[in-house]
Each structure stands twice: as structure tokens, then as C-alpha cells.
């Protein structure tokens, strides 16, 4: 999966819950004020199930989830670990 495909899936998930949002890939979703703890957990679960990976505890810092760009980088990082661990 390409970076752009990852970003598209993340945007689709976020905009599915907040359809009126004009979201840039580098925009801090926490600063926008709509993210609460429940949505943050939904986001983690979406990433794990959609991209078929398990996010390690050390990757659960807020900075990895602030922007679509950061989440895509997180998916790529963790996916690389999963591939390396299985290989």
C-alpha cells in the first residue's frame, strides 16, 4: 500500500465521522477540538484493523496521531516492524 493510499484511508475514516471538516494532511486534529478520548481509541482501532497491524505501546504517543501525515508515517513504521518480525 502506498503512502497516498494510507492517507486516503485515514482521511476517509476521519471525514466519515466529521463530513463538514476541511482537513489537510498536515493539520493537527487535536487542535481542531473535535477529538476526544473515544475518537482517539476508535482511530487506533481503525488503524490496527484496516492496516492489519498492532501498534506497540511505545508508538501510542499523541504526536503519532496528530495529523494524517503523522498517522501515515506511523502505519509505515509499524508495518515495517511487522514485516521484519515475520521475515
C-alpha atoms as a PDB file:
ATOM      1  CA  UNK A   1       0.000   0.000   0.000  1.00  0.00           C
ATOM      2  CA  UNK A   2       1.365   3.410  -0.938  1.00  0.00           C
ATOM      3  CA  UNK A   3       1.623   6.382   1.390  1.00  0.00           C
ATOM      4  CA  UNK A   4      -1.146   8.114  -0.570  1.00  0.00           C
ATOM      5  CA  UNK A   5      -3.441   5.091  -0.188  1.00  0.00           C
ATOM      6  CA  UNK A   6      -2.782   5.060   3.552  1.00  0.00           C
ATOM      7  CA  UNK A   7      -3.546   8.789   3.794  1.00  0.00           C
ATOM      8  CA  UNK A   8      -6.726   8.378   1.731  1.00  0.00           C
ATOM      9  CA  UNK A   9      -7.988   5.635   4.070  1.00  0.00           C
ATOM     10  CA  UNK A  10      -7.215   7.763   7.135  1.00  0.00           C
ATOM     11  CA  UNK A  11      -8.943  10.829   5.658  1.00  0.00           C
ATOM     12  CA  UNK A  12     -11.972   8.727   4.724  1.00  0.00           C
ATOM     13  CA  UNK A  13     -12.238   7.411   8.286  1.00  0.00           C
ATOM     14  CA  UNK A  14     -11.960  10.872   9.862  1.00  0.00           C
ATOM     15  CA  UNK A  15     -14.267  12.556   7.352  1.00  0.00           C
ATOM     16  CA  UNK A  16     -16.785   9.733   7.775  1.00  0.00           C
ATOM     17  CA  UNK A  17     -17.332  10.997  11.302  1.00  0.00           C
ATOM     18  CA  UNK A  18     -16.826  14.694  10.578  1.00  0.00           C
ATOM     19  CA  UNK A  19     -18.038  15.192   6.973  1.00  0.00           C
ATOM     20  CA  UNK A  20     -18.007  19.001   7.115  1.00  0.00           C
ATOM     21  CA  UNK A  21     -14.346  19.111   8.105  1.00  0.00           C
ATOM     22  CA  UNK A  22     -11.884  20.623   5.638  1.00  0.00           C
ATOM     23  CA  UNK A  23      -8.860  18.538   6.592  1.00  0.00           C
ATOM     24  CA  UNK A  24      -5.309  18.990   5.346  1.00  0.00           C
ATOM     25  CA  UNK A  25      -2.831  16.146   5.785  1.00  0.00           C
ATOM     26  CA  UNK A  26      -0.601  18.335   7.967  1.00  0.00           C
ATOM     27  CA  UNK A  27      -3.397  19.744  10.139  1.00  0.00           C
ATOM     28  CA  UNK A  28      -3.364  18.911  13.863  1.00  0.00           C
ATOM     29  CA  UNK A  29      -6.679  17.163  14.513  1.00  0.00           C
ATOM     30  CA  UNK A  30      -6.316  17.678  18.268  1.00  0.00           C
ATOM     31  CA  UNK A  31      -6.085  21.448  17.832  1.00  0.00           C
ATOM     32  CA  UNK A  32      -9.268  21.394  15.766  1.00  0.00           C
ATOM     33  CA  UNK A  33     -11.022  20.476  19.007  1.00  0.00           C
ATOM     34  CA  UNK A  34     -13.211  17.580  17.901  1.00  0.00           C
ATOM     35  CA  UNK A  35     -11.006  14.713  19.048  1.00  0.00           C
ATOM     36  CA  UNK A  36     -11.945  13.197  22.385  1.00  0.00           C
ATOM     37  CA  UNK A  37     -10.643  10.066  24.076  1.00  0.00           C
ATOM     38  CA  UNK A  38     -13.325   7.868  22.493  1.00  0.00           C
ATOM     39  CA  UNK A  39     -12.494   9.073  18.979  1.00  0.00           C
ATOM     40  CA  UNK A  40      -8.780   8.599  19.684  1.00  0.00           C
ATOM     41  CA  UNK A  41      -9.434   4.957  20.624  1.00  0.00           C
ATOM     42  CA  UNK A  42     -11.612   4.486  17.529  1.00  0.00           C
ATOM     43  CA  UNK A  43      -8.755   5.864  15.455  1.00  0.00           C
ATOM     44  CA  UNK A  44      -6.246   3.425  16.967  1.00  0.00           C
ATOM     45  CA  UNK A  45      -8.637   0.502  16.417  1.00  0.00           C
ATOM     46  CA  UNK A  46      -9.307   1.612  12.835  1.00  0.00           C
ATOM     47  CA  UNK A  47      -5.595   1.789  12.065  1.00  0.00           C
ATOM     48  CA  UNK A  48      -4.923  -1.624  13.599  1.00  0.00           C
ATOM     49  CA  UNK A  49      -7.814  -3.351  11.844  1.00  0.00           C
ATOM     50  CA  UNK A  50      -7.639  -1.561   8.494  1.00  0.00           C
ATOM     51  CA  UNK A  51      -3.882  -1.923   8.086  1.00  0.00           C
ATOM     52  CA  UNK A  52      -3.698  -5.298   9.873  1.00  0.00           C
ATOM     53  CA  UNK A  53      -1.081  -4.342  12.421  1.00  0.00           C
ATOM     54  CA  UNK A  54      -0.663  -3.992  16.148  1.00  0.00           C
ATOM     55  CA  UNK A  55       0.546  -0.634  17.403  1.00  0.00           C
ATOM     56  CA  UNK A  56       3.142  -1.153  20.150  1.00  0.00           C
ATOM     57  CA  UNK A  57       2.724   0.811  23.376  1.00  0.00           C
ATOM     58  CA  UNK A  58       5.750   2.990  22.642  1.00  0.00           C
ATOM     59  CA  UNK A  59       4.026   4.208  19.452  1.00  0.00           C
ATOM     60  CA  UNK A  60       0.838   5.305  21.229  1.00  0.00           C
ATOM     61  CA  UNK A  61       2.087   8.854  21.889  1.00  0.00           C
ATOM     62  CA  UNK A  62      -0.266  11.612  20.735  1.00  0.00           C
ATOM     63  CA  UNK A  63       2.281  13.003  18.289  1.00  0.00           C
ATOM     64  CA  UNK A  64       1.862   9.926  16.104  1.00  0.00           C
ATOM     65  CA  UNK A  65      -1.850  10.671  15.717  1.00  0.00           C
ATOM     66  CA  UNK A  66      -1.916  14.468  15.393  1.00  0.00           C
ATOM     67  CA  UNK A  67      -2.021  14.647  11.609  1.00  0.00           C
ATOM     68  CA  UNK A  68      -2.841  12.426   8.660  1.00  0.00           C
ATOM     69  CA  UNK A  69       0.844  12.711   7.695  1.00  0.00           C
ATOM     70  CA  UNK A  70       1.944  11.527  11.158  1.00  0.00           C
ATOM     71  CA  UNK A  71      -0.527   8.635  11.162  1.00  0.00           C
ATOM     72  CA  UNK A  72       0.611   7.511   7.701  1.00  0.00           C
ATOM     73  CA  UNK A  73       4.229   7.574   8.904  1.00  0.00           C
ATOM     74  CA  UNK A  74       3.191   5.562  11.970  1.00  0.00           C
ATOM     75  CA  UNK A  75       1.481   2.943   9.796  1.00  0.00           C
ATOM     76  CA  UNK A  76       4.566   2.673   7.586  1.00  0.00           C
ATOM     77  CA  UNK A  77       6.901   2.418  10.598  1.00  0.00           C
ATOM     78  CA  UNK A  78       4.843  -0.217  12.384  1.00  0.00           C
ATOM     79  CA  UNK A  79       4.183  -2.129   9.144  1.00  0.00           C
ATOM     80  CA  UNK A  80       7.927  -2.273   8.579  1.00  0.00           C
ATOM     81  CA  UNK A  81       8.402  -3.710  12.054  1.00  0.00           C
ATOM     82  CA  UNK A  82       5.700  -6.308  11.432  1.00  0.00           C
ATOM     83  CA  UNK A  83       7.315  -7.360   8.154  1.00  0.00           C
ATOM     84  CA  UNK A  84      10.758  -7.530   9.797  1.00  0.00           C
ATOM     85  CA  UNK A  85       9.388  -9.543  12.727  1.00  0.00           C
ATOM     86  CA  UNK A  86       7.691 -12.041  10.407  1.00  0.00           C
ATOM     87  CA  UNK A  87      10.580 -12.230   7.948  1.00  0.00           C
END
